[in-house]
PDB file of all heavy atoms in Angstrom:
ATOM      1  N   THR A   1       0.851  -1.199  -0.007  1.00  0.00           N
ATOM      2  CA  THR A   1      -0.058  -0.007   0.003  1.00  0.00           C
ATOM      3  C   THR A   1       0.801   1.274  -0.034  1.00  0.00           C
ATOM      4  O   THR A   1       1.949   1.239   0.631  1.00  0.00           O
ATOM      5  CB  THR A   1      -0.887  -0.006   1.254  1.00  0.00           C
ATOM      6  OG1 THR A   1      -1.875  -1.202   1.167  1.00  0.00           O
ATOM      7  CG2 THR A   1      -1.760   1.214   1.345  1.00  0.00           C
ATOM      8  N   ARG A   2       0.420   2.320  -0.766  1.00  0.00           N
ATOM      9  CA  ARG A   2       1.087   3.563  -0.886  1.00  0.00           C
ATOM     10  C   ARG A   2       0.403   4.535   0.185  1.00  0.00           C
ATOM     11  O   ARG A   2      -0.792   4.644   0.137  1.00  0.00           O
ATOM     12  CB  ARG A   2       1.077   4.051  -2.249  1.00  0.00           C
ATOM     13  CG  ARG A   2       1.927   5.322  -2.417  1.00  0.00           C
ATOM     14  CD  ARG A   2       1.796   5.812  -3.817  1.00  0.00           C
ATOM     15  NE  ARG A   2       0.449   6.414  -4.027  1.00  0.00           N
ATOM     16  CZ  ARG A   2      -0.388   6.034  -4.925  1.00  0.00           C
ATOM     17  NH1 ARG A   2      -0.262   4.956  -5.609  1.00  0.00           N
ATOM     18  NH2 ARG A   2      -1.593   6.625  -5.010  1.00  0.00           N
ATOM     19  N   ILE A   3       1.230   5.315   0.859  1.00  0.00           N
ATOM     20  CA  ILE A   3       0.817   6.379   1.670  1.00  0.00           C
ATOM     21  C   ILE A   3       1.530   7.640   1.166  1.00  0.00           C
ATOM     22  O   ILE A   3       2.689   7.745   1.064  1.00  0.00           O
ATOM     23  CB  ILE A   3       1.175   6.203   3.198  1.00  0.00           C
ATOM     24  CG1 ILE A   3       0.390   4.905   3.686  1.00  0.00           C
ATOM     25  CG2 ILE A   3       0.825   7.424   4.054  1.00  0.00           C
ATOM     26  CD1 ILE A   3       0.960   4.526   5.093  1.00  0.00           C
ATOM     27  N   THR A   4       0.639   8.746   0.933  1.00  0.00           N
ATOM     28  CA  THR A   4       1.234  10.000   0.457  1.00  0.00           C
ATOM     29  C   THR A   4       0.978  10.922   1.664  1.00  0.00           C
ATOM     30  O   THR A   4      -0.109  11.261   2.062  1.00  0.00           O
ATOM     31  CB  THR A   4       0.542  10.415  -0.811  1.00  0.00           C
ATOM     32  OG1 THR A   4       0.666   9.492  -1.784  1.00  0.00           O
ATOM     33  CG2 THR A   4       1.144  11.800  -1.226  1.00  0.00           C
ATOM     34  N   MET A   5       2.160  11.406   2.166  1.00  0.00           N
ATOM     35  CA  MET A   5       2.124  12.286   3.354  1.00  0.00           C
ATOM     36  C   MET A   5       2.716  13.594   3.064  1.00  0.00           C
ATOM     37  O   MET A   5       3.804  13.628   2.424  1.00  0.00           O
ATOM     38  CB  MET A   5       2.948  11.581   4.477  1.00  0.00           C
ATOM     39  CG  MET A   5       3.063  12.382   5.802  1.00  0.00           C
ATOM     40  SD  MET A   5       3.854  11.349   7.016  1.00  0.00           S
ATOM     41  CE  MET A   5       5.505  11.254   6.418  1.00  0.00           C
ATOM     42  N   THR A   6       1.940  14.704   3.306  1.00  0.00           N
ATOM     43  CA  THR A   6       2.497  16.010   3.009  1.00  0.00           C
ATOM     44  C   THR A   6       2.807  16.803   4.481  1.00  0.00           C
ATOM     45  O   THR A   6       1.821  17.053   5.140  1.00  0.00           O
ATOM     46  CB  THR A   6       1.371  16.768   2.209  1.00  0.00           C
ATOM     47  OG1 THR A   6       1.089  16.059   1.090  1.00  0.00           O
ATOM     48  CG2 THR A   6       1.966  18.179   1.745  1.00  0.00           C
ATOM     49  N   PRO A   7       4.135  17.013   4.605  1.00  0.00           N
ATOM     50  CA  PRO A   7       4.416  17.807   5.760  1.00  0.00           C
ATOM     51  C   PRO A   7       4.050  19.303   5.557  1.00  0.00           C
ATOM     52  O   PRO A   7       3.968  19.743   4.442  1.00  0.00           O
ATOM     53  CB  PRO A   7       5.967  17.668   5.890  1.00  0.00           C
ATOM     54  CG  PRO A   7       6.323  16.710   4.851  1.00  0.00           C
ATOM     55  CD  PRO A   7       5.197  16.523   3.913  1.00  0.00           C
ATOM     56  N   PRO A   8       3.948  20.040   6.612  1.00  0.00           N
ATOM     57  CA  PRO A   8       3.619  21.482   6.443  1.00  0.00           C
ATOM     58  C   PRO A   8       4.697  22.211   5.663  1.00  0.00           C
ATOM     59  O   PRO A   8       5.902  21.888   5.832  1.00  0.00           O
ATOM     60  CB  PRO A   8       3.490  22.029   7.875  1.00  0.00           C
ATOM     61  CG  PRO A   8       3.439  20.861   8.730  1.00  0.00           C
ATOM     62  CD  PRO A   8       3.961  19.684   8.027  1.00  0.00           C
ATOM     63  N   TRP A   9       4.368  23.061   4.650  1.00  0.00           N
ATOM     64  CA  TRP A   9       5.260  23.735   3.792  1.00  0.00           C
ATOM     65  C   TRP A   9       6.224  22.976   3.155  1.00  0.00           C
ATOM     66  O   TRP A   9       7.408  23.294   2.997  1.00  0.00           O
ATOM     67  CB  TRP A   9       5.944  24.827   4.770  1.00  0.00           C
ATOM     68  CG  TRP A   9       4.913  25.615   5.517  1.00  0.00           C
ATOM     69  CD1 TRP A   9       4.187  26.645   5.002  1.00  0.00           C
ATOM     70  CD2 TRP A   9       4.667  25.606   6.938  1.00  0.00           C
ATOM     71  NE1 TRP A   9       3.433  27.212   5.900  1.00  0.00           N
ATOM     72  CE2 TRP A   9       3.704  26.589   7.176  1.00  0.00           C
ATOM     73  CE3 TRP A   9       5.149  24.841   7.959  1.00  0.00           C
ATOM     74  CZ2 TRP A   9       3.170  26.704   8.461  1.00  0.00           C
ATOM     75  CZ3 TRP A   9       4.600  24.970   9.174  1.00  0.00           C
ATOM     76  CH2 TRP A   9       3.675  25.929   9.361  1.00  0.00           C
ATOM     77  N   ASP A  10       5.860  21.675   2.703  1.00  0.00           N
ATOM     78  CA  ASP A  10       6.822  20.776   1.944  1.00  0.00           C
ATOM     79  C   ASP A  10       6.041  20.053   0.823  1.00  0.00           C
ATOM     80  O   ASP A  10       4.939  20.020   0.880  1.00  0.00           O
ATOM     81  CB  ASP A  10       7.571  19.960   2.850  1.00  0.00           C
ATOM     82  CG  ASP A  10       9.020  19.676   2.494  1.00  0.00           C
ATOM     83  OD1 ASP A  10       9.287  19.862   1.259  1.00  0.00           O
ATOM     84  OD2 ASP A  10       9.777  19.167   3.240  1.00  0.00           O
ATOM     85  N   ASP A  11       6.842  19.505   0.000  1.00  0.00           N
ATOM     86  CA  ASP A  11       6.243  18.600  -1.022  1.00  0.00           C
ATOM     87  C   ASP A  11       5.758  17.307  -0.394  1.00  0.00           C
ATOM     88  O   ASP A  11       6.253  16.793   0.664  1.00  0.00           O
ATOM     89  CB  ASP A  11       7.257  18.330  -2.067  1.00  0.00           C
ATOM     90  CG  ASP A  11       7.684  19.581  -2.808  1.00  0.00           C
ATOM     91  OD1 ASP A  11       6.848  20.472  -3.072  1.00  0.00           O
ATOM     92  OD2 ASP A  11       8.888  19.618  -3.222  1.00  0.00           O
ATOM     93  N   PRO A  12       4.753  16.682  -1.029  1.00  0.00           N
ATOM     94  CA  PRO A  12       4.358  15.411  -0.562  1.00  0.00           C
ATOM     95  C   PRO A  12       5.511  14.295  -0.629  1.00  0.00           C
ATOM     96  O   PRO A  12       6.339  14.326  -1.420  1.00  0.00           O
ATOM     97  CB  PRO A  12       3.249  14.962  -1.575  1.00  0.00           C
ATOM     98  CG  PRO A  12       2.850  16.276  -2.228  1.00  0.00           C
ATOM     99  CD  PRO A  12       4.051  17.150  -2.190  1.00  0.00           C
ATOM    100  N   VAL A  13       5.471  13.409   0.340  1.00  0.00           N
ATOM    101  CA  VAL A  13       6.319  12.185   0.392  1.00  0.00           C
ATOM    102  C   VAL A  13       5.542  10.956   0.198  1.00  0.00           C
ATOM    103  O   VAL A  13       4.600  10.764   0.834  1.00  0.00           O
ATOM    104  CB  VAL A  13       7.120  12.173   1.734  1.00  0.00           C
ATOM    105  CG1 VAL A  13       8.035  10.977   1.919  1.00  0.00           C
ATOM    106  CG2 VAL A  13       7.872  13.462   1.976  1.00  0.00           C
ATOM    107  N   VAL A  14       6.054  10.172  -0.734  1.00  0.00           N
ATOM    108  CA  VAL A  14       5.364   8.829  -0.902  1.00  0.00           C
ATOM    109  C   VAL A  14       6.017   7.799  -0.201  1.00  0.00           C
ATOM    110  O   VAL A  14       7.278   7.566  -0.264  1.00  0.00           O
ATOM    111  CB  VAL A  14       5.360   8.557  -2.458  1.00  0.00           C
ATOM    112  CG1 VAL A  14       4.696   7.105  -2.658  1.00  0.00           C
ATOM    113  CG2 VAL A  14       4.569   9.565  -3.276  1.00  0.00           C
ATOM    114  N   LEU A  15       5.331   7.133   0.773  1.00  0.00           N
ATOM    115  CA  LEU A  15       5.803   5.959   1.407  1.00  0.00           C
ATOM    116  C   LEU A  15       5.192   4.753   0.909  1.00  0.00           C
ATOM    117  O   LEU A  15       4.015   4.680   0.606  1.00  0.00           O
ATOM    118  CB  LEU A  15       5.396   6.174   2.929  1.00  0.00           C
ATOM    119  CG  LEU A  15       5.793   7.368   3.615  1.00  0.00           C
ATOM    120  CD1 LEU A  15       5.134   7.487   5.016  1.00  0.00           C
ATOM    121  CD2 LEU A  15       7.365   7.534   3.682  1.00  0.00           C
ATOM    122  N   HIS A  16       5.910   3.714   0.901  1.00  0.00           N
ATOM    123  CA  HIS A  16       5.369   2.289   0.592  1.00  0.00           C
ATOM    124  C   HIS A  16       5.443   1.403   1.776  1.00  0.00           C
ATOM    125  O   HIS A  16       6.443   1.269   2.319  1.00  0.00           O
ATOM    126  CB  HIS A  16       5.965   1.738  -0.632  1.00  0.00           C
ATOM    127  CG  HIS A  16       5.822   2.429  -1.924  1.00  0.00           C
ATOM    128  ND1 HIS A  16       4.835   2.215  -2.785  1.00  0.00           N
ATOM    129  CD2 HIS A  16       6.677   3.485  -2.417  1.00  0.00           C
ATOM    130  CE1 HIS A  16       4.892   3.118  -3.795  1.00  0.00           C
ATOM    131  NE2 HIS A  16       5.949   3.811  -3.625  1.00  0.00           N
ATOM    132  N   VAL A  17       4.292   0.844   2.179  1.00  0.00           N
ATOM    133  CA  VAL A  17       4.280  -0.059   3.220  1.00  0.00           C
ATOM    134  C   VAL A  17       4.902  -1.361   2.790  1.00  0.00           C
ATOM    135  O   VAL A  17       4.387  -1.925   1.733  1.00  0.00           O
ATOM    136  CB  VAL A  17       2.940  -0.332   3.865  1.00  0.00           C
ATOM    137  CG1 VAL A  17       2.896  -1.382   4.955  1.00  0.00           C
ATOM    138  CG2 VAL A  17       2.265   0.942   4.420  1.00  0.00           C
ATOM    139  N   VAL A  18       6.020  -1.878   3.215  1.00  0.00           N
ATOM    140  CA  VAL A  18       6.645  -3.066   2.713  1.00  0.00           C
ATOM    141  C   VAL A  18       6.511  -4.218   3.601  1.00  0.00           C
ATOM    142  O   VAL A  18       6.816  -5.366   3.207  1.00  0.00           O
ATOM    143  CB  VAL A  18       8.249  -2.828   2.473  1.00  0.00           C
ATOM    144  CG1 VAL A  18       8.393  -1.767   1.397  1.00  0.00           C
ATOM    145  CG2 VAL A  18       8.974  -2.386   3.735  1.00  0.00           C
ATOM    146  N   GLU A  19       6.111  -4.001   4.845  1.00  0.00           N
ATOM    147  CA  GLU A  19       5.630  -5.051   5.887  1.00  0.00           C
ATOM    148  C   GLU A  19       4.747  -4.571   6.812  1.00  0.00           C
ATOM    149  O   GLU A  19       4.844  -3.400   7.275  1.00  0.00           O
ATOM    150  CB  GLU A  19       6.951  -5.575   6.512  1.00  0.00           C
ATOM    151  CG  GLU A  19       6.839  -6.677   7.308  1.00  0.00           C
ATOM    152  CD  GLU A  19       8.072  -7.298   8.032  1.00  0.00           C
ATOM    153  OE1 GLU A  19       9.200  -6.611   7.766  1.00  0.00           O
ATOM    154  OE2 GLU A  19       7.981  -8.253   8.771  1.00  0.00           O
ATOM    155  N   ALA A  20       3.777  -5.422   7.258  1.00  0.00           N
ATOM    156  CA  ALA A  20       2.818  -5.074   8.293  1.00  0.00           C
ATOM    157  C   ALA A  20       2.461  -6.350   8.994  1.00  0.00           C
ATOM    158  O   ALA A  20       1.832  -7.203   8.310  1.00  0.00           O
ATOM    159  CB  ALA A  20       1.582  -4.391   7.613  1.00  0.00           C
ATOM    160  N   VAL A  21       2.710  -6.341  10.251  1.00  0.00           N
ATOM    161  CA  VAL A  21       2.363  -7.522  11.039  1.00  0.00           C
ATOM    162  C   VAL A  21       1.439  -7.054  12.191  1.00  0.00           C
ATOM    163  O   VAL A  21       1.906  -6.254  13.058  1.00  0.00           O
ATOM    164  CB  VAL A  21       3.573  -8.319  11.620  1.00  0.00           C
ATOM    165  CG1 VAL A  21       3.145  -9.383  12.483  1.00  0.00           C
ATOM    166  CG2 VAL A  21       4.514  -8.667  10.608  1.00  0.00           C
ATOM    167  N   GLU A  22       0.171  -7.318  12.149  1.00  0.00           N
ATOM    168  CA  GLU A  22      -0.890  -6.746  13.012  1.00  0.00           C
ATOM    169  C   GLU A  22      -0.467  -6.910  14.498  1.00  0.00           C
ATOM    170  O   GLU A  22      -0.035  -7.950  14.915  1.00  0.00           O
ATOM    171  CB  GLU A  22      -2.165  -7.473  12.856  1.00  0.00           C
ATOM    172  CG  GLU A  22      -3.258  -6.818  13.660  1.00  0.00           C
ATOM    173  CD  GLU A  22      -4.663  -7.410  13.374  1.00  0.00           C
ATOM    174  OE1 GLU A  22      -4.864  -8.129  12.343  1.00  0.00           O
ATOM    175  OE2 GLU A  22      -5.528  -7.165  14.192  1.00  0.00           O
ATOM    176  N   GLY A  23      -0.496  -5.767  15.173  1.00  0.00           N
ATOM    177  CA  GLY A  23      -0.162  -5.722  16.598  1.00  0.00           C
ATOM    178  C   GLY A  23       1.336  -5.756  16.950  1.00  0.00           C
ATOM    179  O   GLY A  23       1.718  -5.720  18.127  1.00  0.00           O
ATOM    180  N   GLU A  24       2.127  -5.885  15.886  1.00  0.00           N
ATOM    181  CA  GLU A  24       3.664  -5.978  16.199  1.00  0.00           C
ATOM    182  C   GLU A  24       4.461  -4.928  15.587  1.00  0.00           C
ATOM    183  O   GLU A  24       5.225  -4.205  16.167  1.00  0.00           O
ATOM    184  CB  GLU A  24       4.174  -7.310  15.736  1.00  0.00           C
ATOM    185  CG  GLU A  24       3.640  -8.484  16.461  1.00  0.00           C
ATOM    186  CD  GLU A  24       4.114  -9.768  15.993  1.00  0.00           C
ATOM    187  OE1 GLU A  24       5.189  -9.805  15.378  1.00  0.00           O
ATOM    188  OE2 GLU A  24       3.357 -10.826  16.264  1.00  0.00           O
ATOM    189  N   LEU A  25       4.348  -4.692  14.136  1.00  0.00           N
ATOM    190  CA  LEU A  25       5.160  -3.754  13.421  1.00  0.00           C
ATOM    191  C   LEU A  25       4.683  -3.480  12.118  1.00  0.00           C
ATOM    192  O   LEU A  25       3.869  -4.081  11.531  1.00  0.00           O
ATOM    193  CB  LEU A  25       6.544  -4.371  13.363  1.00  0.00           C
ATOM    194  CG  LEU A  25       6.875  -5.533  12.411  1.00  0.00           C
ATOM    195  CD1 LEU A  25       7.049  -5.164  11.049  1.00  0.00           C
ATOM    196  CD2 LEU A  25       8.093  -6.297  12.936  1.00  0.00           C
ATOM    197  N   PHE A  26       5.162  -2.415  11.579  1.00  0.00           N
ATOM    198  CA  PHE A  26       4.988  -2.152  10.149  1.00  0.00           C
ATOM    199  C   PHE A  26       6.266  -1.345   9.727  1.00  0.00           C
ATOM    200  O   PHE A  26       7.031  -0.675  10.532  1.00  0.00           O
ATOM    201  CB  PHE A  26       3.758  -1.239   9.829  1.00  0.00           C
ATOM    202  CG  PHE A  26       3.781   0.185  10.075  1.00  0.00           C
ATOM    203  CD1 PHE A  26       4.043   1.209   8.974  1.00  0.00           C
ATOM    204  CD2 PHE A  26       3.482   0.709  11.251  1.00  0.00           C
ATOM    205  CE1 PHE A  26       4.197   2.474   9.193  1.00  0.00           C
ATOM    206  CE2 PHE A  26       3.439   2.155  11.477  1.00  0.00           C
ATOM    207  CZ  PHE A  26       3.765   2.926  10.444  1.00  0.00           C
ATOM    208  N   VAL A  27       6.547  -1.460   8.482  1.00  0.00           N
ATOM    209  CA  VAL A  27       7.857  -0.906   7.905  1.00  0.00           C
ATOM    210  C   VAL A  27       7.453  -0.146   6.617  1.00  0.00           C
ATOM    211  O   VAL A  27       6.720  -0.664   5.739  1.00  0.00           O
ATOM    212  CB  VAL A  27       8.888  -1.947   7.520  1.00  0.00           C
ATOM    213  CG1 VAL A  27      10.091  -1.414   6.882  1.00  0.00           C
ATOM    214  CG2 VAL A  27       9.204  -2.894   8.764  1.00  0.00           C
ATOM    215  N   ASP A  28       7.878   1.093   6.559  1.00  0.00           N
ATOM    216  CA  ASP A  28       7.579   1.768   5.278  1.00  0.00           C
ATOM    217  C   ASP A  28       9.012   2.231   4.639  1.00  0.00           C
ATOM    218  O   ASP A  28       9.955   2.315   5.433  1.00  0.00           O
ATOM    219  CB  ASP A  28       6.757   3.079   5.467  1.00  0.00           C
ATOM    220  CG  ASP A  28       7.166   4.141   6.498  1.00  0.00           C
ATOM    221  OD1 ASP A  28       8.330   4.689   6.131  1.00  0.00           O
ATOM    222  OD2 ASP A  28       6.683   4.424   7.417  1.00  0.00           O
ATOM    223  N   GLU A  29       8.901   2.450   3.394  1.00  0.00           N
ATOM    224  CA  GLU A  29      10.120   3.056   2.607  1.00  0.00           C
ATOM    225  C   GLU A  29       9.762   4.184   1.758  1.00  0.00           C
ATOM    226  O   GLU A  29       8.635   4.211   1.192  1.00  0.00           O
ATOM    227  CB  GLU A  29      10.578   1.841   1.724  1.00  0.00           C
ATOM    228  CG  GLU A  29      11.326   0.755   2.461  1.00  0.00           C
ATOM    229  CD  GLU A  29      11.951  -0.234   1.475  1.00  0.00           C
ATOM    230  OE1 GLU A  29      11.779  -0.108   0.303  1.00  0.00           O
ATOM    231  OE2 GLU A  29      12.657  -1.024   1.971  1.00  0.00           O
ATOM    232  N   ALA A  30      10.521   5.139   1.686  1.00  0.00           N
ATOM    233  CA  ALA A  30      10.513   6.248   0.744  1.00  0.00           C
ATOM    234  C   ALA A  30      11.685   6.164  -0.114  1.00  0.00           C
ATOM    235  O   ALA A  30      12.825   5.887   0.492  1.00  0.00           O
ATOM    236  CB  ALA A  30      10.383   7.539   1.477  1.00  0.00           C
ATOM    237  N   ARG A  31      11.648   6.398  -1.377  1.00  0.00           N
ATOM    238  CA  ARG A  31      12.790   6.251  -2.325  1.00  0.00           C
ATOM    239  C   ARG A  31      13.026   7.707  -2.941  1.00  0.00           C
ATOM    240  O   ARG A  31      11.944   8.344  -3.370  1.00  0.00           O
ATOM    241  CB  ARG A  31      12.598   5.268  -3.299  1.00  0.00           C
ATOM    242  CG  ARG A  31      12.564   3.819  -2.782  1.00  0.00           C
ATOM    243  CD  ARG A  31      12.377   2.749  -3.788  1.00  0.00           C
ATOM    244  NE  ARG A  31      12.416   1.480  -3.212  1.00  0.00           N
ATOM    245  CZ  ARG A  31      13.511   0.725  -3.084  1.00  0.00           C
ATOM    246  NH1 ARG A  31      14.684   1.171  -3.569  1.00  0.00           N
ATOM    247  NH2 ARG A  31      13.460  -0.440  -2.489  1.00  0.00           N
ATOM    248  N   PHE A  32      14.217   8.140  -2.904  1.00  0.00           N
ATOM    249  CA  PHE A  32      14.592   9.411  -3.577  1.00  0.00           C
ATOM    250  C   PHE A  32      15.852   9.031  -4.397  1.00  0.00           C
ATOM    251  O   PHE A  32      16.997   9.052  -3.849  1.00  0.00           O
ATOM    252  CB  PHE A  32      14.928  10.455  -2.411  1.00  0.00           C
ATOM    253  CG  PHE A  32      13.804  10.781  -1.498  1.00  0.00           C
ATOM    254  CD1 PHE A  32      13.581  10.205  -0.394  1.00  0.00           C
ATOM    255  CD2 PHE A  32      12.720  11.740  -1.947  1.00  0.00           C
ATOM    256  CE1 PHE A  32      12.526  10.420   0.445  1.00  0.00           C
ATOM    257  CE2 PHE A  32      11.671  11.974  -1.111  1.00  0.00           C
ATOM    258  CZ  PHE A  32      11.575  11.341   0.083  1.00  0.00           C
ATOM    259  N   GLY A  33      15.597   8.790  -5.656  1.00  0.00           N
ATOM    260  CA  GLY A  33      16.674   8.492  -6.491  1.00  0.00           C
ATOM    261  C   GLY A  33      17.324   7.149  -6.036  1.00  0.00           C
ATOM    262  O   GLY A  33      16.575   6.115  -5.873  1.00  0.00           O
TER     263      GLY A  33
END
């Protein structure tokens, strides 16, 4: 799943959820070049 997050006064950042284990952890990645 893709999450698009926009910080105040900045460009959107695209995060990709690469792992999600309910009740334990999730891992996201952002790629810039």
